[in-house]
Structures are given as C-alpha cells and as structure tokens.
C-alpha cells in the first residue's frame, strides 16, 4: 500500500468516525434496520469477536509469561549460600521491601528447606541478587 493510499484510508476513517460520533444511537439503529441488519445480533456478534480477540491476547500473554518463567527458573542443582547467610539475605529482602510477606504452615516455624525454597523464590523474583551468594 502506498503512502498516498494510507493517507486516503486514514481520511476516510476519520470522516466515518466523525459521522458515527454525530449520529445518535437511535439513528444508527434505524439505519442498520433499514439495511436489513438486526442491531442486537450485530452487537452480539461484535461482542463475541472482541471476546475472541481478548482471549487470544490473554493466551499469548500467558504463553510468553510461561516461557519467561522457564528461562528464569532455578536450576535443579542450586548453589546456595550457607543457611545462616540465607537467613540474613531473606531478612534483608523483607526489610528492604515491606510489602513482601510469607505465611507459616499451620502456625509452625519454617523449616530449613522452607527457607531455602523462599530464598530461591526471592532470587527468582529479583528481590535477592543471584550473584550475591555470600561467598
């Protein structure tokens, strides 16, 4: 499409939009009915099309997020600092960002494995620098 064609289409769109904005809902309904188009059916069709576009966009966004999470996932064999350093880094992360929160299972104290998993999650979220392993 040439640049001139694009300009022409843009002008036509602008005029059509201006015409549409000037028309009342009743004017539009009468015009559609005169052309043999059921306004309610057209509205339902447009709504369905928009739902499909939105659903496809959400699926694409979710797929991209899934790929990004896999790329950033913690490898199976994780090199972590010593447990005491993990506790320090987790405490620092929570102190630096008060909106971070965690819950205890059944009101019990967190196990060492829970702290290691929490550390891995905070590294994955970027709340603890990955390179800062305390060594």
Protein backbone atom coordinates (compact mmCIF):
# COMPACT_ATOMS: atom_id res chain seq x y z
CA UNK A 1 0.00 0.00 0.00
CA UNK A 2 1.39 3.36 -0.99
CA UNK A 3 1.78 6.28 1.33
CA UNK A 4 -0.95 8.13 -0.58
CA UNK A 5 -3.35 5.19 -0.16
CA UNK A 6 -2.65 5.10 3.56
CA UNK A 7 -3.41 8.83 3.83
CA UNK A 8 -6.68 8.34 1.90
CA UNK A 9 -7.77 5.48 4.16
CA UNK A 10 -6.90 7.50 7.27
CA UNK A 11 -9.02 10.39 5.96
CA UNK A 12 -11.95 8.05 5.19
CA UNK A 13 -11.68 6.53 8.69
CA UNK A 14 -11.65 9.99 10.26
CA UNK A 15 -14.77 11.03 8.33
CA UNK A 16 -16.56 7.79 9.16
CA UNK A 17 -15.72 8.19 12.84
CA UNK A 18 -16.90 11.79 12.79
CA UNK A 19 -20.17 10.67 11.15
CA UNK A 20 -20.59 7.89 13.69
CA UNK A 21 -19.95 10.23 16.63
CA UNK A 22 -22.56 12.68 15.30
CA UNK A 23 -25.25 10.01 14.97
CA UNK A 24 -27.46 9.10 17.90
CA UNK A 25 -27.96 5.50 18.98
CA UNK A 26 -31.46 5.62 17.54
CA UNK A 27 -30.16 6.98 14.21
CA UNK A 28 -27.70 4.11 13.99
CA UNK A 29 -30.37 1.56 14.92
CA UNK A 30 -32.75 2.93 12.23
CA UNK A 31 -30.00 2.93 9.57
CA UNK A 32 -28.98 -0.64 10.38
CA UNK A 33 -32.59 -1.84 10.34
CA UNK A 34 -33.17 -0.10 7.00
CA UNK A 35 -30.24 -2.05 5.58
CA UNK A 36 -31.73 -5.33 6.86
CA UNK A 37 -29.27 -5.72 9.74
CA UNK A 38 -30.51 -6.73 13.20
CA UNK A 39 -28.73 -4.28 15.57
CA UNK A 40 -28.94 -6.67 18.54
CA UNK A 41 -27.48 -9.52 16.51
CA UNK A 42 -24.72 -7.24 15.20
CA UNK A 43 -23.91 -6.10 18.75
CA UNK A 44 -23.76 -9.72 19.93
CA UNK A 45 -21.50 -10.62 17.00
CA UNK A 46 -19.16 -7.73 17.76
CA UNK A 47 -19.07 -8.65 21.45
CA UNK A 48 -18.22 -12.27 20.55
CA UNK A 49 -15.43 -11.11 18.23
CA UNK A 50 -13.99 -8.86 20.92
CA UNK A 51 -14.14 -11.72 23.43
CA UNK A 52 -12.21 -13.94 20.99
CA UNK A 53 -9.57 -11.26 20.40
CA UNK A 54 -9.18 -10.67 24.13
CA UNK A 55 -8.97 -14.40 24.89
CA UNK A 56 -6.31 -14.87 22.20
CA UNK A 57 -4.34 -11.93 23.56
CA UNK A 58 -4.51 -13.34 27.08
CA UNK A 59 -3.41 -16.78 25.84
CA UNK A 60 -0.43 -15.21 24.04
CA UNK A 61 0.47 -13.19 27.13
CA UNK A 62 0.24 -16.29 29.34
CA UNK A 63 2.38 -18.32 26.93
CA UNK A 64 5.01 -15.58 26.84
CA UNK A 65 5.00 -15.37 30.63
CA UNK A 66 5.37 -19.15 30.87
CA UNK A 67 8.39 -19.06 28.55
CA UNK A 68 9.90 -16.21 30.55
CA UNK A 69 9.40 -18.12 33.80
CA UNK A 70 11.09 -21.21 32.35
CA UNK A 71 14.02 -19.10 31.22
CA UNK A 72 14.36 -17.61 34.70
CA UNK A 73 13.64 -20.79 36.65
CA UNK A 74 16.09 -22.01 39.22
CA UNK A 75 18.16 -24.96 38.00
CA UNK A 76 17.69 -28.32 39.74
CA UNK A 77 21.13 -28.23 41.30
CA UNK A 78 21.13 -24.88 43.05
CA UNK A 79 24.23 -23.39 44.55
CA UNK A 80 23.06 -21.59 47.64
CA UNK A 81 24.97 -19.85 50.38
CA UNK A 82 25.13 -21.32 53.86
CA UNK A 83 21.84 -21.43 55.78
CA UNK A 84 22.86 -18.55 58.07
CA UNK A 85 23.61 -16.37 55.02
CA UNK A 86 20.24 -17.37 53.51
CA UNK A 87 18.51 -16.22 56.69
CA UNK A 88 20.37 -12.90 56.57
CA UNK A 89 19.58 -12.29 52.89
CA UNK A 90 15.89 -13.18 53.34
CA UNK A 91 15.65 -10.85 56.35
CA UNK A 92 17.34 -8.07 54.34
CA UNK A 93 14.94 -8.57 51.44
CA UNK A 94 11.92 -8.34 53.74
CA UNK A 95 13.36 -5.28 55.48
CA UNK A 96 14.06 -3.56 52.15
CA UNK A 97 10.60 -4.29 50.74
CA UNK A 98 7.93 -4.26 53.47
CA UNK A 99 5.22 -5.36 51.01
CA UNK A 100 6.83 -8.82 50.80
CA UNK A 101 5.09 -11.34 53.01
CA UNK A 102 5.11 -15.03 53.81
CA UNK A 103 2.88 -17.34 55.79
CA UNK A 104 3.72 -20.19 58.11
CA UNK A 105 2.19 -23.59 57.62
CA UNK A 106 -0.24 -24.39 60.41
CA UNK A 107 1.42 -21.73 62.58
CA UNK A 108 4.71 -23.61 62.80
CA UNK A 109 8.22 -22.30 62.37
CA UNK A 110 9.67 -22.50 58.88
CA UNK A 111 11.96 -25.44 58.25
CA UNK A 112 15.41 -25.09 56.71
CA UNK A 113 14.00 -26.46 53.45
CA UNK A 114 11.25 -23.80 53.56
CA UNK A 115 13.89 -21.08 53.98
CA UNK A 116 15.94 -22.46 51.09
CA UNK A 117 12.84 -22.52 48.86
CA UNK A 118 11.94 -18.99 49.99
CA UNK A 119 15.48 -17.88 49.15
CA UNK A 120 15.21 -19.46 45.68
CA UNK A 121 11.85 -17.75 45.10
CA UNK A 122 13.21 -14.36 46.17
CA UNK A 123 16.20 -14.79 43.85
CA UNK A 124 13.82 -15.76 41.02
CA UNK A 125 11.68 -12.67 41.72
CA UNK A 126 14.78 -10.48 41.68
CA UNK A 127 14.42 -9.49 45.33
CA UNK A 128 17.80 -11.03 46.20
CA UNK A 129 20.61 -10.61 43.67
CA UNK A 130 21.51 -14.02 42.23
CA UNK A 131 25.24 -13.28 42.26
CA UNK A 132 25.13 -12.47 45.97
CA UNK A 133 25.62 -15.97 47.30
CA UNK A 134 27.62 -14.90 50.34
CA UNK A 135 30.88 -16.45 49.18
